[in-house]
C-alpha atoms as a PDB file:
ATOM      1  CA  MET A   1      12.792  -4.308 -16.044  1.00  0.00           C
ATOM      2  CA  ILE A   2       8.892  -3.056 -15.680  1.00  0.00           C
ATOM      3  CA  GLU A   3       8.369  -5.643 -13.426  1.00  0.00           C
ATOM      4  CA  GLY A   4      11.342  -4.550 -11.057  1.00  0.00           C
ATOM      5  CA  PHE A   5       9.754  -1.251 -11.077  1.00  0.00           C
ATOM      6  CA  PHE A   6       6.434  -2.402 -10.343  1.00  0.00           C
ATOM      7  CA  GLN A   7       8.255  -4.475  -7.155  1.00  0.00           C
ATOM      8  CA  ILE A   8      10.180  -1.826  -6.146  1.00  0.00           C
ATOM      9  CA  THR A   9       7.227   0.589  -5.798  1.00  0.00           C
ATOM     10  CA  THR A  10       5.009  -2.365  -4.308  1.00  0.00           C
ATOM     11  CA  GLY A  11       7.851  -2.756  -1.606  1.00  0.00           C
ATOM     12  CA  LEU A  12       8.428   0.738  -0.846  1.00  0.00           C
ATOM     13  CA  GLY A  13       4.460   1.287  -0.726  1.00  0.00           C
ATOM     14  CA  ILE A  14       4.096  -1.551   1.781  1.00  0.00           C
ATOM     15  CA  MET A  15       7.306  -0.013   4.065  1.00  0.00           C
ATOM     16  CA  GLY A  16       5.705   3.343   3.781  1.00  0.00           C
ATOM     17  CA  LEU A  17       2.443   2.191   5.393  1.00  0.00           C
ATOM     18  CA  VAL A  18       4.383   0.173   8.075  1.00  0.00           C
ATOM     19  CA  VAL A  19       6.158   3.232   9.318  1.00  0.00           C
ATOM     20  CA  ILE A  20       3.255   5.691   8.838  1.00  0.00           C
ATOM     21  CA  TRP A  21       1.191   3.134  10.839  1.00  0.00           C
ATOM     22  CA  GLN A  22       3.747   2.885  13.818  1.00  0.00           C
ATOM     23  CA  ALA A  23       4.448   6.493  13.768  1.00  0.00           C
ATOM     24  CA  ASP A  24       0.644   7.590  14.104  1.00  0.00           C
ATOM     25  CA  SER A  25       0.564   4.892  17.305  1.00  0.00           C
ATOM     26  CA  LEU A  26       3.474   6.334  18.685  1.00  0.00           C
ATOM     27  CA  GLY A  27       1.929  10.310  18.374  1.00  0.00           C
ATOM     28  CA  GLU A  28      -1.211   8.944  19.491  1.00  0.00           C
ATOM     29  CA  MET A  29       0.321   7.529  23.199  1.00  0.00           C
ATOM     30  CA  PHE A  30       1.795  11.235  23.337  1.00  0.00           C
ATOM     31  CA  MET A  31      -1.560  13.321  22.016  1.00  0.00           C
ATOM     32  CA  PRO A  32      -3.210  14.703  25.164  1.00  0.00           C
ATOM     33  CA  ASN A  33      -5.829  16.235  22.978  1.00  0.00           C
ATOM     34  CA  PRO A  34      -8.640  13.591  21.804  1.00  0.00           C
ATOM     35  CA  ASP A  35      -9.170  15.892  18.547  1.00  0.00           C
ATOM     36  CA  GLN A  36      -5.368  14.950  17.599  1.00  0.00           C
ATOM     37  CA  LYS A  37      -5.885  11.226  18.190  1.00  0.00           C
ATOM     38  CA  LYS A  38      -8.869  11.435  16.351  1.00  0.00           C
ATOM     39  CA  GLY A  39      -6.838  12.850  13.276  1.00  0.00           C
ATOM     40  CA  LEU A  40      -4.149  10.559  13.658  1.00  0.00           C
ATOM     41  CA  LYS A  41      -6.750   7.716  13.908  1.00  0.00           C
ATOM     42  CA  GLN A  42      -8.430   9.057  10.483  1.00  0.00           C
ATOM     43  CA  HIS A  43      -4.771   9.194   8.857  1.00  0.00           C
ATOM     44  CA  LYS A  44      -4.069   5.498   9.960  1.00  0.00           C
ATOM     45  CA  ARG A  45      -7.290   4.351   8.354  1.00  0.00           C
ATOM     46  CA  SER A  46      -6.703   6.267   4.785  1.00  0.00           C
ATOM     47  CA  ALA A  47      -2.755   4.894   5.337  1.00  0.00           C
ATOM     48  CA  LEU A  48      -4.665   1.093   5.740  1.00  0.00           C
ATOM     49  CA  LYS A  49      -7.068   1.857   2.743  1.00  0.00           C
ATOM     50  CA  SER A  50      -3.992   3.155   0.552  1.00  0.00           C
ATOM     51  CA  GLY A  51      -1.959  -0.034   1.678  1.00  0.00           C
ATOM     52  CA  VAL A  52      -4.916  -2.571   0.724  1.00  0.00           C
ATOM     53  CA  ILE A  53      -5.481  -0.873  -2.506  1.00  0.00           C
ATOM     54  CA  LEU A  54      -1.724  -1.449  -3.596  1.00  0.00           C
ATOM     55  CA  ILE A  55      -1.906  -5.084  -2.182  1.00  0.00           C
ATOM     56  CA  VAL A  56      -4.865  -5.820  -4.074  1.00  0.00           C
ATOM     57  CA  LEU A  57      -4.483  -3.913  -7.418  1.00  0.00           C
ATOM     58  CA  GLY A  58      -0.704  -5.607  -8.085  1.00  0.00           C
ATOM     59  CA  PRO A  59      -2.039  -9.374  -8.262  1.00  0.00           C
ATOM     60  CA  LEU A  60      -5.324  -8.530  -9.681  1.00  0.00           C
ATOM     61  CA  TYR A  61      -3.481  -6.600 -12.561  1.00  0.00           C
ATOM     62  CA  SER A  62      -1.278  -9.688 -13.377  1.00  0.00           C
ATOM     63  CA  VAL A  63      -4.006 -11.993 -13.192  1.00  0.00           C
ATOM     64  CA  ALA A  64      -6.770  -9.565 -14.964  1.00  0.00           C
ATOM     65  CA  GLY A  65      -4.367  -8.301 -17.481  1.00  0.00           C
ATOM     66  CA  PRO A  66      -3.754 -11.170 -19.884  1.00  0.00           C
ATOM     67  CA  LEU A  67      -7.462 -11.927 -19.839  1.00  0.00           C
ATOM     68  CA  MET A  68      -8.247  -8.625 -20.903  1.00  0.00           C
ATOM     69  CA  GLY A  69      -5.212  -8.194 -23.441  1.00  0.00           C
ATOM     70  CA  LEU A  70      -3.204  -5.423 -21.572  1.00  0.00           C
ATOM     71  CA  PRO A  71       0.009  -4.686 -23.127  1.00  0.00           C
ATOM     72  CA  LEU A  72       2.186  -4.487 -19.646  1.00  0.00           C
ATOM     73  CA  ALA A  73       0.130  -7.316 -18.002  1.00  0.00           C
ATOM     74  CA  ASP A  74       2.919  -9.816 -19.603  1.00  0.00           C
ATOM     75  CA  CYS A  75       5.692  -7.622 -17.854  1.00  0.00           C
ATOM     76  CA  VAL A  76       4.208  -7.367 -14.436  1.00  0.00           C
ATOM     77  CA  ASN A  77       4.372 -10.342 -11.807  1.00  0.00           C
ATOM     78  CA  LEU A  78       3.817  -9.356  -8.123  1.00  0.00           C
ATOM     79  CA  SER A  79       3.210 -12.609  -6.990  1.00  0.00           C
ATOM     80  CA  PRO A  80       5.875 -14.215  -4.327  1.00  0.00           C
ATOM     81  CA  TRP A  81       5.534 -17.678  -5.728  1.00  0.00           C
END
């Protein structure tokens, strides 16, 4: 059950990143003001950082967790293989 929760939240986070990235790219095409474009680029950058953290920390937790003896590490398997 815990593994499914982590897989669902990771999947939703990645899909959210894609939706935000595409919406910001679409918004950049129709924004005439350079300040608004700069704000959207910063938003895209922060969304990308959040996505990278989400993608990196899940497998890192599932690998490093059992080595450190963390209790939930045995329940989490985010690797696709």
